[in-house]
Protein backbone atom coordinates (compact mmCIF):
# COMPACT_ATOMS: atom_id res chain seq x y z
CA MET A 1 0.37 0.00 0.09
CA GLY A 2 1.34 3.55 -0.80
CA GLU A 3 1.27 6.50 1.25
CA LEU A 4 -0.20 9.55 -0.32
CA ARG A 5 3.07 12.32 -1.27
CA VAL A 6 1.99 15.56 -2.08
CA ARG A 7 3.99 19.34 -1.64
CA SER A 8 0.36 21.25 -2.07
CA ALA A 9 -2.87 20.94 -1.31
CA LEU A 10 -6.02 22.94 -1.48
CA VAL A 11 -9.02 21.69 -0.05
CA THR A 12 -12.14 24.00 0.24
CA GLY A 13 -14.96 24.12 2.55
CA ALA A 14 -12.12 23.49 4.88
CA ASN A 15 -13.91 24.78 8.50
CA ARG A 16 -15.91 21.88 9.49
CA GLY A 17 -17.00 18.37 8.10
CA ILE A 18 -15.24 16.37 6.00
CA GLY A 19 -13.43 19.96 4.66
CA LEU A 20 -11.30 20.03 8.34
CA GLY A 21 -11.15 16.43 8.11
CA PHE A 22 -9.27 16.33 4.61
CA VAL A 23 -7.06 19.18 6.57
CA ARG A 24 -6.52 17.51 9.48
CA HIS A 25 -5.11 14.26 7.82
CA LEU A 26 -3.08 16.02 5.48
CA LEU A 27 -1.37 17.72 8.45
CA ALA A 28 -0.43 14.65 10.46
CA LEU A 29 0.86 12.58 7.19
CA PRO A 30 4.09 11.09 7.67
CA ASN A 31 5.48 13.71 5.36
CA PRO A 32 2.93 16.21 5.49
CA PRO A 33 2.43 18.73 2.67
CA GLU A 34 4.85 21.16 2.62
CA TRP A 35 1.65 23.75 1.94
CA VAL A 36 -1.59 22.94 3.25
CA PHE A 37 -4.32 25.54 1.74
CA ALA A 38 -7.44 25.37 4.09
CA GLY A 39 -10.46 27.68 1.65
CA CYS A 40 -13.01 29.01 3.56
CA ARG A 41 -15.33 31.89 3.27
CA ASP A 42 -14.91 34.02 6.41
CA PRO A 43 -11.42 32.46 8.13
CA LYS A 44 -12.21 34.87 10.71
CA GLY A 45 -15.61 34.36 11.84
CA GLN A 46 -16.20 31.86 14.51
CA ARG A 47 -16.98 29.08 12.38
CA ALA A 48 -13.34 28.84 11.65
CA GLN A 49 -12.31 28.67 15.13
CA GLU A 50 -11.04 25.03 14.40
CA LEU A 51 -8.94 25.90 11.66
CA GLN A 52 -7.42 29.14 12.83
CA GLN A 53 -6.98 26.75 15.93
CA LEU A 54 -4.95 24.50 13.54
CA ALA A 55 -2.84 27.07 11.76
CA SER A 56 -1.35 28.54 15.15
CA LYS A 57 0.30 25.06 15.29
CA HIS A 58 0.98 24.37 11.96
CA PRO A 59 3.13 26.96 9.39
CA ASN A 60 2.40 24.94 6.64
CA LEU A 61 -1.66 25.70 7.09
CA VAL A 62 -2.60 28.80 5.21
CA ILE A 63 -6.32 29.55 5.52
CA VAL A 64 -7.14 31.21 2.42
CA PRO A 65 -10.58 33.01 1.82
CA LEU A 66 -12.47 31.75 -0.20
CA GLU A 67 -16.61 32.00 -1.38
CA VAL A 68 -16.52 29.80 -3.90
CA THR A 69 -19.98 30.94 -5.50
CA ASP A 70 -18.33 34.67 -6.32
CA PRO A 71 -15.81 33.50 -9.44
CA ALA A 72 -13.99 36.82 -8.13
CA SER A 73 -13.22 35.25 -4.83
CA ILE A 74 -11.90 32.29 -6.59
CA LYS A 75 -9.82 34.55 -9.02
CA ALA A 76 -8.20 36.20 -5.79
CA ALA A 77 -7.66 32.93 -4.44
CA ALA A 78 -5.85 31.12 -7.19
CA ALA A 79 -3.62 34.48 -7.36
CA SER A 80 -3.14 34.48 -3.44
CA VAL A 81 -2.32 30.40 -3.58
CA GLY A 82 0.36 31.23 -6.43
CA GLU A 83 2.38 33.42 -4.91
CA ARG A 84 2.96 31.30 -1.81
CA LEU A 85 3.88 28.41 -4.10
CA LYS A 86 6.32 30.45 -6.35
CA GLY A 87 5.88 28.71 -9.46
CA SER A 88 5.79 24.94 -8.13
CA GLY A 89 2.52 24.32 -8.50
CA LEU A 90 -0.58 22.69 -7.13
CA ASN A 91 -0.70 19.21 -6.54
CA LEU A 92 -4.09 18.79 -5.20
CA LEU A 93 -7.18 20.19 -5.38
CA ILE A 94 -9.99 19.28 -3.28
CA ASN A 95 -13.64 20.12 -4.30
CA ASN A 96 -15.43 19.90 -0.86
CA ALA A 97 -17.61 22.70 -0.47
CA GLY A 98 -20.95 21.24 -0.94
CA ILE A 99 -24.97 22.31 0.25
CA VAL A 100 -28.07 20.81 0.80
CA ARG A 101 -31.41 21.79 1.04
CA ALA A 102 -33.47 18.92 2.42
CA ASN A 103 -36.75 19.64 0.69
CA LYS A 104 -39.21 17.09 -0.86
CA LEU A 105 -39.89 16.86 -4.83
CA ASP A 106 -43.20 19.04 -4.42
CA ASN A 107 -42.29 22.17 -2.35
CA GLU A 108 -38.53 22.41 -4.65
CA THR A 109 -37.88 25.75 -5.84
CA LEU A 110 -36.12 27.75 -8.23
CA LYS A 111 -33.94 29.43 -5.86
CA ASP A 112 -32.41 26.30 -3.61
CA MET A 113 -31.95 24.63 -6.84
CA SER A 114 -29.80 27.28 -8.44
CA ASP A 115 -27.88 27.64 -4.68
CA VAL A 116 -27.39 24.18 -4.19
CA TYR A 117 -26.42 23.81 -8.42
CA THR A 118 -23.90 26.86 -8.13
CA THR A 119 -22.15 25.65 -5.23
CA ASN A 120 -22.32 22.02 -5.63
CA THR A 121 -21.47 21.91 -9.29
CA ILE A 122 -20.84 25.14 -11.30
CA ALA A 123 -18.27 26.14 -8.09
CA PRO A 124 -16.42 22.71 -8.74
CA LEU A 125 -16.17 23.71 -12.50
CA LEU A 126 -14.88 27.23 -11.93
CA LEU A 127 -11.95 26.19 -9.14
CA GLY A 128 -10.98 23.58 -12.00
CA GLN A 129 -10.28 27.01 -14.34
CA ALA A 130 -9.02 29.28 -11.90
CA PHE A 131 -6.35 26.16 -10.92
CA LEU A 132 -5.61 24.80 -14.11
CA PRO A 133 -2.60 26.95 -14.75
CA LEU A 134 -1.32 25.96 -11.07
CA LEU A 135 -2.08 22.13 -11.76
CA LYS A 136 -0.13 22.28 -14.65
CA ALA A 137 2.51 23.76 -13.12
CA ALA A 138 2.77 21.06 -10.49
CA GLN A 139 2.74 18.30 -12.99
CA GLY A 140 5.36 19.90 -15.39
CA SER A 141 5.69 16.73 -18.26
CA PRO A 142 2.46 15.19 -18.81
CA GLY A 143 3.90 12.59 -20.60
CA SER A 144 5.40 11.54 -17.50
CA GLY A 145 1.96 10.04 -16.33
CA MET A 146 -0.83 10.56 -14.27
CA SER A 147 -1.38 9.68 -10.49
CA CYS A 148 -2.49 11.98 -7.18
CA GLY A 149 0.52 12.69 -6.04
CA LYS A 150 1.19 14.92 -9.48
CA ALA A 151 -1.63 17.30 -10.31
CA ALA A 152 -5.11 16.13 -9.67
CA ILE A 153 -8.79 17.56 -8.79
CA ILE A 154 -10.74 15.46 -6.19
CA ASN A 155 -14.60 15.95 -6.75
CA ILE A 156 -16.62 15.07 -3.30
CA SER A 157 -19.59 13.60 -4.72
CA SER A 158 -22.29 11.68 -3.00
CA ASN A 159 -24.09 8.27 -4.30
CA GLY A 160 -27.21 10.50 -3.56
CA GLY A 161 -25.89 11.25 -7.02
CA SER A 162 -25.83 8.05 -8.63
CA ILE A 163 -28.85 7.31 -11.25
CA LYS A 164 -28.70 3.92 -10.64
CA GLU A 165 -28.73 4.00 -6.79
CA VAL A 166 -30.90 7.13 -5.35
CA TYR A 167 -29.16 6.53 -2.16
CA LEU A 168 -31.11 7.17 0.84
CA TRP A 169 -34.63 8.51 -1.06
CA GLU A 170 -37.26 7.80 1.05
CA GLY A 171 -34.84 9.34 3.97
CA ILE A 172 -34.29 12.51 2.56
CA GLN A 173 -35.36 13.15 -1.48
CA ALA A 174 -33.43 16.68 -1.92
CA ALA A 175 -33.54 16.50 -5.59
CA CYS A 176 -31.66 19.56 -5.81
CA TYR A 177 -28.58 18.43 -3.98
CA ARG A 178 -29.08 14.75 -6.43
CA CYS A 179 -29.23 16.83 -9.50
CA SER A 180 -25.91 18.53 -8.49
CA LYS A 181 -24.05 15.71 -7.47
CA ALA A 182 -25.42 13.32 -10.61
CA ALA A 183 -24.33 17.40 -12.82
CA LEU A 184 -20.91 16.81 -10.58
CA ASN A 185 -20.25 13.56 -11.62
CA MET A 186 -20.23 14.47 -15.34
CA LEU A 187 -17.79 17.20 -14.67
CA THR A 188 -15.60 14.80 -13.44
CA ARG A 189 -15.44 12.45 -16.82
CA CYS A 190 -15.47 16.41 -18.63
CA GLN A 191 -12.79 17.72 -16.61
CA SER A 192 -10.87 14.10 -16.40
CA LEU A 193 -10.88 14.18 -21.03
CA GLY A 194 -10.43 17.86 -20.98
CA TYR A 195 -6.97 17.98 -18.67
CA ARG A 196 -5.84 14.64 -19.87
CA GLU A 197 -3.28 15.97 -22.29
CA HIS A 198 -2.10 18.62 -19.37
CA GLY A 199 -1.45 15.38 -17.76
CA ILE A 200 -4.13 16.12 -14.90
CA PHE A 201 -5.73 12.82 -13.06
CA THR A 202 -9.71 13.73 -11.90
CA VAL A 203 -11.92 11.55 -9.51
CA ALA A 204 -15.55 11.59 -8.09
CA PHE A 205 -15.86 10.18 -4.53
CA HIS A 206 -18.78 8.99 -2.60
CA PRO A 207 -17.45 9.71 0.94
CA GLY A 208 -19.56 7.68 2.68
CA TRP A 209 -22.90 8.73 4.98
CA VAL A 210 -20.48 10.66 7.17
CA GLN A 211 -21.51 12.10 10.64
CA THR A 212 -21.52 16.09 9.77
CA ASP A 213 -23.90 18.76 9.56
CA LEU A 214 -24.49 17.76 6.11
CA GLY A 215 -25.18 13.88 6.62
CA TYR A 216 -27.81 14.36 9.66
CA GLU A 217 -29.57 15.87 6.69
CA GLY A 218 -30.19 12.02 5.90
CA GLY A 219 -32.52 11.03 8.74
CA GLY A 220 -31.25 9.22 11.05
CA THR A 221 -27.37 8.59 12.45
CA PRO A 222 -24.66 8.84 9.88
CA PRO A 223 -22.63 5.36 10.52
CA LEU A 224 -19.30 7.12 8.90
CA THR A 225 -17.03 9.55 10.84
CA VAL A 226 -15.09 11.75 9.27
CA ASP A 227 -11.56 10.31 10.04
CA ALA A 228 -12.92 6.69 8.69
CA SER A 229 -14.13 8.40 6.14
CA VAL A 230 -11.35 10.65 5.41
CA GLY A 231 -8.49 8.29 5.82
CA GLY A 232 -10.44 5.61 3.23
CA MET A 233 -10.13 8.46 0.32
CA LEU A 234 -6.87 9.58 0.97
CA LYS A 235 -5.50 6.19 1.16
CA VAL A 236 -7.43 5.34 -2.21
CA LEU A 237 -6.26 8.03 -3.62
CA SER A 238 -2.35 7.06 -2.39
CA ASN A 239 -2.86 3.78 -5.25
CA LEU A 240 -4.82 5.24 -7.97
CA SER A 241 -3.21 5.18 -11.69
CA GLU A 242 -3.69 6.52 -15.37
CA LYS A 243 -6.50 3.99 -15.50
CA ASP A 244 -8.49 5.43 -13.03
CA SER A 245 -8.91 8.81 -14.03
CA GLY A 246 -12.49 10.24 -14.81
CA SER A 247 -13.75 7.20 -12.09
CA PHE A 248 -16.76 7.69 -9.29
CA LEU A 249 -15.50 5.32 -6.46
CA ASP A 250 -16.81 5.21 -2.89
CA TRP A 251 -14.31 5.59 0.24
CA GLU A 252 -13.72 1.81 -0.02
CA GLY A 253 -12.15 2.48 -3.78
CA ASN A 254 -15.21 0.50 -4.66
CA VAL A 255 -16.67 2.21 -7.80
CA VAL A 256 -19.86 3.72 -7.53
CA PRO A 257 -22.82 3.34 -10.48
CA TRP A 258 -23.56 6.44 -12.30
């Protein structure tokens, strides 16, 4: 089994839940990244206190102001990260920020559909575009093959967006969320094809039904801890190769039906 080794990583939605879990796990690796960039909407706010505490202990952790629904904020974040990296490029872009509206089909609204789609689907598209130059710089030579240790986009999806499985429909209908994640899966495929020439690896992950604020929206108690989910995904990432680019996998490495 390999161990993920990257020089730099950016995590969106990093102030809580799975995003914060990624930050913690990356910092705790035997060979931690030289830079971990934690994107969150309000770095100095109360909801980012755990991130602030981590940053005070880890000089390689940089909290980046990032509102993923604002193209100007995305561009500013990419510029800020680029300045820190000084030409070395970004190895790992983890598109984790996501929202849900626990609506029933009969009361879905234009606003909720638009808001959820903007955060869950359009933002990962815009982030991929904005950070592409940094990902390309990290890859260096596209002909040398793709891997998560070189340059990769990781999209945190859900099997709630699996058209075959429609997981937990009885617990939470949330068509807005499901449609946004199904679209994110297609975006992952598009990115894997569009960025292949640059040697950039792309994968979508179902992190499991995890004990986060969003996870509890599904009704009942999610069975999976953040640590188990994130630890599993990082373990899977370390063992993926070029043939896996464009896949939809769960936190244990199993293929999830589209």
